[in-house]
N, C-alpha and C. Protein backbone atom coordinates (compact mmCIF):
# COMPACT_ATOMS: atom_id res chain seq x y z
N UNK A 1 -124.67 10.38 124.04
CA UNK A 1 -125.06 10.22 125.42
C UNK A 1 -125.96 11.14 126.11
N UNK A 2 -127.15 10.62 127.00
CA UNK A 2 -128.07 11.72 127.22
C UNK A 2 -127.75 12.25 128.93
N UNK A 3 -128.36 13.13 129.36
CA UNK A 3 -127.84 13.68 130.65
C UNK A 3 -127.70 12.57 131.49
N UNK A 4 -128.36 11.90 131.66
CA UNK A 4 -128.46 10.78 132.77
C UNK A 4 -127.07 9.78 132.95
N UNK A 5 -126.63 9.38 131.69
CA UNK A 5 -125.32 8.62 131.23
C UNK A 5 -124.51 9.62 131.43
N UNK A 6 -124.30 10.83 131.29
CA UNK A 6 -123.06 11.72 131.35
C UNK A 6 -122.90 12.17 133.19
N UNK A 7 -124.35 12.19 133.64
CA UNK A 7 -124.17 12.07 135.15
C UNK A 7 -123.56 10.84 135.69
N UNK A 8 -123.87 9.77 135.57
CA UNK A 8 -123.61 8.71 135.97
C UNK A 8 -121.97 8.57 135.42
N UNK A 9 -121.54 8.50 134.46
CA UNK A 9 -119.90 8.75 134.51
C UNK A 9 -119.43 10.03 135.43
N UNK A 10 -119.87 10.99 135.59
CA UNK A 10 -119.13 11.95 136.31
C UNK A 10 -119.70 11.54 137.96
N UNK A 11 -120.20 10.75 138.21
CA UNK A 11 -120.73 10.22 139.55
C UNK A 11 -119.60 8.94 139.77
N UNK A 12 -119.27 8.13 138.72
CA UNK A 12 -118.67 7.01 138.69
C UNK A 12 -116.83 7.36 138.90
N UNK A 13 -116.58 8.96 138.24
CA UNK A 13 -114.97 9.61 138.30
C UNK A 13 -114.99 10.12 139.41
N UNK A 14 -115.88 10.61 140.39
CA UNK A 14 -116.22 11.15 142.06
C UNK A 14 -115.83 9.99 142.58
N UNK A 15 -116.52 8.85 142.74
CA UNK A 15 -116.20 7.49 143.37
C UNK A 15 -114.56 6.94 143.19
N UNK A 16 -114.35 7.04 141.79
CA UNK A 16 -113.10 6.23 141.82
C UNK A 16 -111.99 7.20 142.29
N UNK A 17 -112.11 8.70 142.36
CA UNK A 17 -111.26 10.00 142.97
C UNK A 17 -111.26 9.61 144.22
N UNK A 18 -112.43 9.65 144.62
CA UNK A 18 -112.52 9.44 146.49
C UNK A 18 -111.92 8.01 146.92
N UNK A 19 -111.88 7.24 146.02
CA UNK A 19 -111.20 5.91 146.80
C UNK A 19 -110.04 5.75 146.59
N UNK A 20 -109.23 6.84 145.78
CA UNK A 20 -108.18 6.70 145.47
C UNK A 20 -107.14 7.65 146.28
N UNK A 21 -108.12 8.36 147.19
CA UNK A 21 -107.98 9.71 148.18
C UNK A 21 -107.25 10.71 147.38
N UNK A 22 -108.39 11.23 146.28
CA UNK A 22 -107.70 12.52 145.57
C UNK A 22 -108.15 13.61 146.27
N UNK A 23 -108.05 14.64 145.56
CA UNK A 23 -108.27 15.97 145.64
C UNK A 23 -109.69 16.16 146.41
N UNK A 24 -110.33 16.52 147.77
CA UNK A 24 -111.85 16.55 147.81
C UNK A 24 -112.48 17.63 147.48
N UNK A 25 -111.92 18.43 146.87
CA UNK A 25 -112.57 19.68 146.12
C UNK A 25 -113.03 19.15 144.58
N UNK A 26 -112.18 18.77 144.02
CA UNK A 26 -112.07 17.96 142.64
C UNK A 26 -113.31 16.91 142.77
N UNK A 27 -113.29 16.13 143.60
CA UNK A 27 -114.50 14.94 144.08
C UNK A 27 -115.69 15.89 144.00
N UNK A 28 -115.82 16.89 144.94
CA UNK A 28 -116.94 17.56 144.95
C UNK A 28 -117.43 18.54 143.63
N UNK A 29 -116.29 18.78 143.21
CA UNK A 29 -116.68 19.37 141.79
C UNK A 29 -117.89 18.39 140.68
N UNK A 30 -117.20 17.45 140.32
CA UNK A 30 -117.46 15.98 139.93
C UNK A 30 -119.21 15.97 140.16
N UNK A 31 -119.25 15.91 141.52
CA UNK A 31 -120.49 15.24 142.18
C UNK A 31 -121.41 16.47 141.93
N UNK A 32 -121.11 17.66 142.32
CA UNK A 32 -121.81 18.73 141.81
C UNK A 32 -122.53 18.89 140.48
N UNK A 33 -121.55 19.01 139.75
CA UNK A 33 -121.92 18.80 138.41
C UNK A 33 -122.72 17.70 137.73
N UNK A 34 -122.68 16.69 138.33
CA UNK A 34 -123.46 15.68 137.96
C UNK A 34 -124.99 15.73 138.54
N UNK A 35 -124.78 16.35 139.71
CA UNK A 35 -126.20 16.63 140.22
C UNK A 35 -126.80 17.84 139.51
N UNK A 36 -126.21 18.92 139.00
CA UNK A 36 -126.63 20.15 138.11
C UNK A 36 -126.92 19.59 136.78
N UNK A 37 -126.26 18.32 136.29
CA UNK A 37 -126.76 18.05 134.92
C UNK A 37 -128.07 17.29 134.80
N UNK A 38 -128.26 16.53 136.03
CA UNK A 38 -129.74 15.55 136.23
C UNK A 38 -130.92 17.01 136.41
N UNK A 39 -130.39 17.88 136.96
CA UNK A 39 -131.23 19.17 137.08
C UNK A 39 -131.54 19.75 135.75
N UNK A 40 -131.05 19.68 134.97
CA UNK A 40 -130.87 20.33 133.32
C UNK A 40 -132.37 20.17 132.87
N UNK A 41 -132.89 20.82 132.17
CA UNK A 41 -134.14 20.60 131.46
C UNK A 41 -133.96 20.47 130.02
N UNK A 42 -133.00 20.22 129.75
CA UNK A 42 -132.47 20.27 128.39
C UNK A 42 -131.41 19.49 128.27
N UNK A 43 -131.04 18.78 126.78
CA UNK A 43 -130.11 17.75 126.66
C UNK A 43 -129.25 18.35 126.49
N UNK A 44 -127.89 18.25 127.17
CA UNK A 44 -126.61 18.69 126.75
C UNK A 44 -126.04 18.66 125.27
N UNK A 45 -126.03 17.32 124.92
CA UNK A 45 -125.93 16.81 123.79
C UNK A 45 -126.35 18.04 122.70
N UNK A 46 -127.71 18.27 122.64
CA UNK A 46 -127.89 19.30 121.54
C UNK A 46 -127.01 20.41 121.77
N UNK A 47 -126.59 21.24 122.57
CA UNK A 47 -126.18 22.19 123.04
C UNK A 47 -124.66 22.29 122.50
N UNK A 48 -123.91 20.85 122.94
CA UNK A 48 -122.47 20.74 122.85
C UNK A 48 -122.47 20.35 121.34
N UNK A 49 -123.02 20.22 120.33
CA UNK A 49 -122.99 19.99 119.13
C UNK A 49 -123.36 21.10 118.56
N UNK A 50 -124.12 22.09 118.98
CA UNK A 50 -124.34 23.36 118.44
C UNK A 50 -123.02 24.20 118.79
N UNK A 51 -122.40 24.02 119.55
CA UNK A 51 -121.37 24.54 119.99
C UNK A 51 -121.76 25.92 120.94
N UNK A 52 -123.25 25.78 121.59
CA UNK A 52 -123.59 26.72 122.68
C UNK A 52 -122.91 26.43 123.93
N UNK A 53 -122.84 27.42 125.04
CA UNK A 53 -122.82 26.91 126.23
C UNK A 53 -123.69 26.07 127.07
N UNK A 54 -122.96 25.10 128.16
CA UNK A 54 -123.70 24.07 128.48
C UNK A 54 -124.91 24.36 129.58
N UNK A 55 -124.73 25.82 130.52
CA UNK A 55 -125.36 26.21 131.10
C UNK A 55 -125.56 25.52 132.45
N UNK A 56 -124.80 24.98 132.69
CA UNK A 56 -124.06 24.17 134.23
C UNK A 56 -123.60 25.03 134.97
N UNK A 57 -123.94 25.64 136.04
CA UNK A 57 -123.18 26.57 137.27
C UNK A 57 -122.15 25.94 137.82
N UNK A 58 -121.16 26.55 137.95
CA UNK A 58 -120.01 26.37 138.81
C UNK A 58 -119.34 25.38 138.14
N UNK A 59 -119.14 25.29 136.43
CA UNK A 59 -118.31 24.22 136.16
C UNK A 59 -116.70 25.09 135.60
N UNK A 60 -115.69 24.33 135.45
CA UNK A 60 -114.44 24.90 135.70
C UNK A 60 -114.36 24.91 134.15
N UNK A 61 -112.83 25.32 133.48
CA UNK A 61 -113.02 25.11 131.94
C UNK A 61 -112.44 23.53 131.82
N UNK A 62 -111.87 22.95 132.51
CA UNK A 62 -111.47 21.40 131.91
C UNK A 62 -112.63 20.53 132.17
N UNK A 63 -113.45 20.53 133.46
CA UNK A 63 -114.67 19.89 133.40
C UNK A 63 -115.92 20.46 132.44
N UNK A 64 -115.71 21.56 132.05
CA UNK A 64 -116.68 21.69 130.91
C UNK A 64 -116.18 21.22 129.69
N UNK A 65 -114.77 20.99 129.33
CA UNK A 65 -114.24 20.43 128.21
C UNK A 65 -114.79 18.90 128.23
N UNK A 66 -114.62 18.18 129.46
CA UNK A 66 -115.01 16.88 129.41
C UNK A 66 -115.90 16.59 129.29
N UNK A 67 -117.17 17.17 129.89
CA UNK A 67 -118.61 17.04 129.91
C UNK A 67 -119.13 17.21 128.23
N UNK A 68 -118.54 18.52 127.47
CA UNK A 68 -118.98 18.71 126.32
C UNK A 68 -118.29 17.48 125.38
N UNK A 69 -117.15 17.01 125.57
CA UNK A 69 -116.55 15.50 124.88
C UNK A 69 -117.39 14.51 124.88
N UNK A 70 -118.31 14.30 126.48
CA UNK A 70 -118.95 13.21 126.36
C UNK A 70 -120.48 13.36 125.85
N UNK A 71 -120.43 14.82 125.87
CA UNK A 71 -122.11 14.77 125.23
C UNK A 71 -121.83 14.71 123.84
N UNK A 72 -120.73 14.83 123.14
CA UNK A 72 -120.55 15.17 121.80
C UNK A 72 -120.05 13.86 121.08
N UNK A 73 -118.98 13.27 121.67
CA UNK A 73 -118.47 11.80 121.44
C UNK A 73 -119.04 10.69 121.89
N UNK A 74 -119.52 10.75 123.12
CA UNK A 74 -120.10 9.85 123.66
C UNK A 74 -118.98 9.14 124.61
N UNK A 75 -117.91 9.69 124.83
CA UNK A 75 -117.10 8.81 125.64
C UNK A 75 -116.03 10.23 126.26
N UNK A 76 -114.93 9.86 127.45
CA UNK A 76 -114.43 10.89 128.08
C UNK A 76 -113.10 10.15 128.23
N UNK A 77 -111.97 10.96 127.64
CA UNK A 77 -110.74 10.19 127.82
C UNK A 77 -110.09 9.91 128.99
N UNK A 78 -110.26 11.22 130.22
CA UNK A 78 -110.04 11.13 131.32
C UNK A 78 -110.79 9.58 131.78
N UNK A 79 -111.83 9.58 132.12
CA UNK A 79 -112.67 8.40 132.56
C UNK A 79 -112.14 7.08 132.34
N UNK A 80 -111.72 7.18 130.93
CA UNK A 80 -111.02 5.65 130.03
C UNK A 80 -109.95 5.80 130.93
N UNK A 81 -109.04 6.62 131.25
CA UNK A 81 -107.58 6.41 131.81
C UNK A 81 -108.00 6.37 133.06
N UNK A 82 -108.86 6.78 133.87
CA UNK A 82 -108.84 6.22 135.17
C UNK A 82 -109.23 4.89 135.45
N UNK A 83 -110.25 4.19 134.29
CA UNK A 83 -110.71 3.09 134.44
C UNK A 83 -109.42 1.94 133.83
N UNK A 84 -108.69 2.73 133.22
CA UNK A 84 -107.25 1.76 132.77
C UNK A 84 -106.54 1.26 133.95
N UNK A 85 -106.61 2.30 134.84
CA UNK A 85 -105.92 2.09 136.38
C UNK A 85 -106.60 0.71 136.92
N UNK A 86 -107.73 0.57 136.71
CA UNK A 86 -108.49 -0.81 137.57
C UNK A 86 -108.10 -1.81 137.21
N UNK A 87 -108.40 -2.92 137.90
CA UNK A 87 -108.38 -4.59 137.34
C UNK A 87 -109.14 -4.71 136.26
N UNK A 88 -108.61 -5.67 135.38
CA UNK A 88 -109.63 -6.28 134.39
C UNK A 88 -111.05 -6.44 134.65
N UNK A 89 -111.15 -7.07 135.82
CA UNK A 89 -112.34 -7.63 136.34
C UNK A 89 -113.05 -6.39 136.18
N UNK A 90 -112.62 -5.44 137.07
CA UNK A 90 -113.35 -4.44 137.58
C UNK A 90 -113.78 -3.35 136.48
N UNK A 91 -112.85 -3.58 135.62
CA UNK A 91 -113.56 -2.75 134.20
C UNK A 91 -114.53 -3.08 133.03
N UNK A 92 -114.60 -4.62 133.37
CA UNK A 92 -115.72 -5.45 132.84
C UNK A 92 -116.79 -4.97 133.36
N UNK A 93 -116.79 -5.13 134.85
CA UNK A 93 -118.11 -4.89 135.14
C UNK A 93 -118.37 -3.34 135.09
N UNK A 94 -117.31 -2.18 134.92
CA UNK A 94 -117.86 -0.73 134.87
C UNK A 94 -118.76 -0.60 133.55
N UNK A 95 -118.69 -1.68 132.40
CA UNK A 95 -119.03 -1.44 131.40
C UNK A 95 -120.69 -1.98 131.54
N UNK A 96 -120.95 -2.71 132.50
CA UNK A 96 -122.34 -3.23 132.73
C UNK A 96 -123.13 -2.15 133.29
N UNK A 97 -124.37 -1.81 132.59
CA UNK A 97 -125.26 -0.53 132.74
C UNK A 97 -125.62 -0.89 134.60
N UNK A 98 -125.71 0.27 135.51
CA UNK A 98 -126.13 -0.34 136.41
C UNK A 98 -125.02 -0.62 137.68
N UNK A 99 -124.15 -0.23 137.37
CA UNK A 99 -123.06 -1.03 138.12
C UNK A 99 -121.68 0.19 138.37
N UNK A 100 -121.68 0.39 139.51
CA UNK A 100 -120.47 1.61 139.64
C UNK A 100 -118.79 1.16 140.23
N UNK A 101 -118.11 1.87 140.49
CA UNK A 101 -117.24 1.62 140.88
C UNK A 101 -116.89 0.61 142.16
N UNK A 102 -117.71 1.07 143.31
CA UNK A 102 -117.81 0.29 144.32
C UNK A 102 -118.66 -0.92 144.28
N UNK A 103 -119.70 -1.11 143.51
CA UNK A 103 -119.68 -2.33 143.47
C UNK A 103 -118.88 -3.34 142.63
N UNK A 104 -118.21 -2.89 141.62
CA UNK A 104 -117.46 -3.43 140.88
C UNK A 104 -116.33 -4.00 141.98
N UNK A 105 -115.99 -2.95 142.39
CA UNK A 105 -114.89 -3.68 143.75
C UNK A 105 -115.25 -4.67 144.30
N UNK A 106 -116.26 -4.42 144.47
CA UNK A 106 -117.11 -5.74 145.94
C UNK A 106 -117.10 -6.92 145.36
N UNK A 107 -117.63 -7.02 143.91
CA UNK A 107 -117.76 -8.03 143.46
C UNK A 107 -116.48 -8.88 143.17
N UNK A 108 -115.42 -8.06 142.54
CA UNK A 108 -114.46 -8.57 142.16
C UNK A 108 -113.50 -9.23 143.31
N UNK A 109 -113.42 -8.25 144.42
CA UNK A 109 -112.92 -8.73 145.31
C UNK A 109 -113.22 -10.21 146.40
N UNK A 110 -114.80 -10.16 146.27
CA UNK A 110 -115.23 -11.21 146.84
C UNK A 110 -115.10 -12.73 145.85
N UNK A 111 -115.17 -12.49 144.84
CA UNK A 111 -114.98 -13.69 143.73
C UNK A 111 -113.57 -13.75 143.52
N UNK A 112 -112.56 -12.86 144.04
CA UNK A 112 -111.24 -13.37 144.10
C UNK A 112 -111.14 -13.26 141.96
N UNK A 113 -111.57 -12.70 141.33
CA UNK A 113 -111.19 -12.77 139.74
C UNK A 113 -110.30 -11.94 139.05
N UNK A 114 -109.33 -11.85 138.52
CA UNK A 114 -108.38 -11.17 138.00
C UNK A 114 -108.77 -10.43 136.47
N UNK A 115 -109.66 -11.39 135.86
CA UNK A 115 -110.16 -11.02 134.09
C UNK A 115 -111.71 -11.25 134.31
N UNK A 116 -112.21 -10.75 133.08
CA UNK A 116 -113.25 -10.85 132.95
C UNK A 116 -113.82 -12.51 132.84
N UNK A 117 -113.10 -12.85 132.13
CA UNK A 117 -113.35 -14.72 131.80
C UNK A 117 -113.16 -15.42 133.20
N UNK A 118 -112.52 -15.32 133.94
CA UNK A 118 -112.30 -15.64 135.07
C UNK A 118 -113.67 -15.43 136.20
N UNK A 119 -114.33 -14.21 135.91
CA UNK A 119 -115.18 -13.67 136.46
C UNK A 119 -116.75 -14.34 136.40
N UNK A 120 -116.62 -14.50 135.25
CA UNK A 120 -117.94 -14.86 134.65
C UNK A 120 -117.63 -16.75 134.99
N UNK A 121 -116.77 -17.00 134.92
CA UNK A 121 -116.43 -18.69 135.47
C UNK A 121 -116.83 -18.61 136.81
N UNK A 122 -116.30 -17.69 137.80
CA UNK A 122 -116.33 -17.94 139.17
C UNK A 122 -117.66 -17.53 139.66
N UNK A 123 -118.10 -16.52 138.96
CA UNK A 123 -119.63 -16.07 139.18
C UNK A 123 -120.63 -17.35 138.75
N UNK A 124 -120.55 -18.10 138.12
CA UNK A 124 -121.25 -19.34 137.76
C UNK A 124 -121.14 -20.39 138.51
N UNK A 125 -119.83 -20.75 138.96
CA UNK A 125 -119.32 -21.54 140.05
C UNK A 125 -119.71 -21.09 141.56
N UNK A 126 -119.69 -20.01 142.25
CA UNK A 126 -119.53 -19.71 143.23
C UNK A 126 -120.65 -18.93 143.67
N UNK A 127 -121.38 -18.52 142.53
CA UNK A 127 -122.64 -17.53 142.42
C UNK A 127 -122.44 -16.43 142.64
N UNK A 128 -122.75 -15.22 142.16
CA UNK A 128 -123.03 -13.50 142.59
C UNK A 128 -124.04 -13.48 143.32
N UNK A 129 -125.00 -14.10 143.93
CA UNK A 129 -125.76 -13.70 144.92
C UNK A 129 -125.38 -13.77 146.23
N UNK A 130 -124.28 -14.42 146.58
CA UNK A 130 -123.35 -14.29 147.53
C UNK A 130 -122.85 -12.86 148.00
N UNK A 131 -122.83 -11.87 146.95
CA UNK A 131 -122.34 -10.53 147.35
C UNK A 131 -123.36 -9.91 147.89
N UNK A 132 -123.18 -8.92 148.74
CA UNK A 132 -124.57 -8.05 149.15
C UNK A 132 -125.09 -7.44 147.87
N UNK A 133 -126.16 -7.21 148.08
CA UNK A 133 -126.93 -6.44 147.19
C UNK A 133 -127.21 -7.00 145.77
N UNK A 134 -126.96 -8.01 145.41
CA UNK A 134 -127.19 -8.80 144.04
C UNK A 134 -128.20 -9.97 144.43
N UNK A 135 -129.39 -9.72 143.30
CA UNK A 135 -130.03 -10.99 143.52
C UNK A 135 -130.51 -11.71 142.36
N UNK A 136 -131.14 -12.72 141.89
CA UNK A 136 -131.02 -13.67 141.05
C UNK A 136 -131.18 -12.64 139.42
N UNK A 137 -131.75 -11.43 139.72
CA UNK A 137 -132.31 -10.87 138.35
C UNK A 137 -131.11 -9.92 137.89
N UNK A 138 -130.39 -9.40 138.93
CA UNK A 138 -129.20 -8.60 138.76
C UNK A 138 -128.25 -9.27 137.93
N UNK A 139 -127.59 -10.66 139.02
CA UNK A 139 -126.95 -11.73 138.96
C UNK A 139 -126.84 -11.99 137.26
N UNK A 140 -128.03 -12.68 136.81
CA UNK A 140 -128.45 -12.73 135.41
C UNK A 140 -127.90 -11.40 134.33
N UNK A 141 -128.26 -10.09 135.02
CA UNK A 141 -128.05 -9.34 134.21
C UNK A 141 -126.44 -8.91 133.79
N UNK A 142 -125.67 -9.09 135.21
CA UNK A 142 -124.47 -8.92 134.95
C UNK A 142 -123.52 -10.01 134.13
N UNK A 143 -123.90 -10.98 134.22
CA UNK A 143 -123.57 -12.21 133.77
C UNK A 143 -123.44 -12.07 132.17
N UNK A 144 -124.84 -11.53 131.81
CA UNK A 144 -125.29 -11.00 130.32
C UNK A 144 -124.46 -9.94 129.68
N UNK A 145 -124.27 -9.17 130.84
CA UNK A 145 -123.62 -7.64 130.27
C UNK A 145 -121.95 -8.06 130.06
N UNK A 146 -121.43 -9.16 131.12
CA UNK A 146 -120.06 -9.55 130.59
C UNK A 146 -119.74 -10.17 129.56
N UNK A 147 -120.69 -10.86 129.17
CA UNK A 147 -120.15 -11.92 128.05
C UNK A 147 -120.59 -11.00 126.76
N UNK A 148 -121.26 -10.09 126.79
CA UNK A 148 -121.45 -9.28 125.88
C UNK A 148 -122.98 -9.05 125.06
N UNK A 149 -123.33 -8.48 124.37
CA UNK A 149 -124.61 -8.02 123.51
C UNK A 149 -125.43 -9.48 123.25
N UNK A 150 -124.54 -10.26 122.59
CA UNK A 150 -124.98 -11.75 121.96
C UNK A 150 -125.78 -12.29 123.29
N UNK A 151 -125.09 -12.43 124.42
CA UNK A 151 -125.60 -13.29 125.71
C UNK A 151 -126.70 -12.68 126.37
N UNK A 152 -126.75 -10.98 125.93
CA UNK A 152 -127.89 -10.45 126.45
C UNK A 152 -129.16 -10.46 125.68
N UNK A 153 -128.57 -10.76 124.12
CA UNK A 153 -130.14 -10.81 123.37
C UNK A 153 -130.82 -11.96 123.80
N UNK A 154 -130.09 -12.93 124.30
CA UNK A 154 -130.56 -14.40 124.69
C UNK A 154 -130.79 -14.37 126.01
N UNK A 155 -132.08 -14.67 126.33
CA UNK A 155 -132.18 -14.94 127.77
C UNK A 155 -132.57 -16.50 127.98
N UNK A 156 -131.53 -16.70 128.97
CA UNK A 156 -131.34 -18.80 129.27
C UNK A 156 -132.62 -18.52 130.09
N UNK A 157 -133.09 -20.02 129.50
CA UNK A 157 -134.46 -20.51 130.19
C UNK A 157 -134.17 -21.01 131.39
N UNK A 158 -132.58 -21.47 131.80
CA UNK A 158 -132.43 -22.09 133.12
C UNK A 158 -130.66 -21.59 133.14
N UNK A 159 -130.33 -21.12 134.49
CA UNK A 159 -129.29 -20.80 134.75
C UNK A 159 -128.67 -21.21 135.97
N UNK A 160 -127.57 -21.63 136.10
CA UNK A 160 -127.03 -21.76 137.88
C UNK A 160 -126.40 -20.79 138.19
N UNK A 161 -126.69 -20.40 139.52
CA UNK A 161 -126.21 -19.41 140.28
C UNK A 161 -125.73 -19.93 141.87
N UNK A 162 -124.69 -20.37 142.21
CA UNK A 162 -124.12 -21.34 143.15
C UNK A 162 -124.94 -22.48 143.34
N UNK A 163 -125.69 -23.15 144.10
CA UNK A 163 -125.93 -24.24 144.53
C UNK A 163 -127.80 -23.76 144.07
N UNK A 164 -128.19 -22.61 143.66
CA UNK A 164 -129.46 -22.71 143.18
C UNK A 164 -129.79 -22.70 141.92
N UNK A 165 -130.90 -23.39 141.11
CA UNK A 165 -131.00 -23.50 139.72
C UNK A 165 -132.22 -22.23 139.97
N UNK A 166 -131.93 -21.66 138.52
CA UNK A 166 -132.86 -20.46 138.28
C UNK A 166 -133.54 -20.89 136.90
N UNK A 167 -134.90 -20.59 136.87
CA UNK A 167 -135.68 -21.00 135.81
C UNK A 167 -136.27 -19.68 135.14
N UNK A 168 -136.69 -19.40 134.05
CA UNK A 168 -137.11 -18.01 133.44
C UNK A 168 -138.42 -18.52 133.39
N UNK A 169 -139.19 -17.23 133.86
CA UNK A 169 -140.70 -17.73 134.11
C UNK A 169 -141.47 -18.07 133.43
N UNK A 170 -141.20 -17.39 131.95
CA UNK A 170 -142.10 -18.11 130.63
C UNK A 170 -141.85 -19.53 130.55
N UNK A 171 -140.70 -20.16 130.92
CA UNK A 171 -140.26 -21.47 130.49
C UNK A 171 -141.31 -22.48 131.47
N UNK A 172 -140.94 -21.74 132.88
CA UNK A 172 -141.96 -22.39 134.01
C UNK A 172 -143.18 -22.51 133.82
N UNK A 173 -143.89 -21.22 133.25
CA UNK A 173 -145.17 -21.56 132.71
C UNK A 173 -145.75 -21.89 131.95
N UNK A 174 -144.98 -22.31 130.65
CA UNK A 174 -145.35 -23.04 129.98
C UNK A 174 -145.01 -24.79 130.23
N UNK A 175 -144.17 -25.06 130.93
CA UNK A 175 -144.03 -26.32 131.72
C UNK A 175 -145.15 -27.09 132.39
N UNK A 176 -145.85 -25.93 133.18
CA UNK A 176 -147.04 -25.82 133.74
C UNK A 176 -148.05 -26.31 132.99
N UNK A 177 -148.35 -25.71 131.84
CA UNK A 177 -149.46 -25.76 131.41
C UNK A 177 -149.56 -27.16 130.53
N UNK A 178 -148.37 -27.83 129.96
CA UNK A 178 -148.34 -29.03 129.27
C UNK A 178 -148.96 -29.96 130.32
N UNK A 179 -148.55 -29.71 131.91
CA UNK A 179 -148.61 -30.64 132.86
C UNK A 179 -150.00 -30.68 132.98
N UNK A 180 -150.81 -29.74 133.08
CA UNK A 180 -152.19 -29.31 133.37
C UNK A 180 -153.44 -30.42 132.10
């Protein structure tokens, strides 16, 4: 994991803890650690693999262990446990890059989907664009991210989002060239 990915996980942990009304000092420690990691001019994974000190100020023993585990192994057991307590649809959304716990909760709540399969079905029928902060590109990225890597590689030429039919730009231009 690079520094940005580690910081994103720490920000997600702090958000999940704050929504669960966790210890405010602990929440602040995760956010401060994430900000300090973003400011670092070196990669934490290189230092963690070498067994060197991380060089991040104001880290406690347990937080240092969690960050080292993320830098070395690419995952954090504590984050996996926190995500395990969330509904299945929110867990699936958290795996999509650029979606945090608040947006995942908002999408799952507005669409009312209990699991990932139902979320994709309801996103196709009702439309993700009804959720505040989601446009056509982000909607397509979310659906592709939930479906998996295969769907992410294959860009749909036409997809339906609610009552709106979206056409891929390259497909649209090719169709216009044929007509001219």
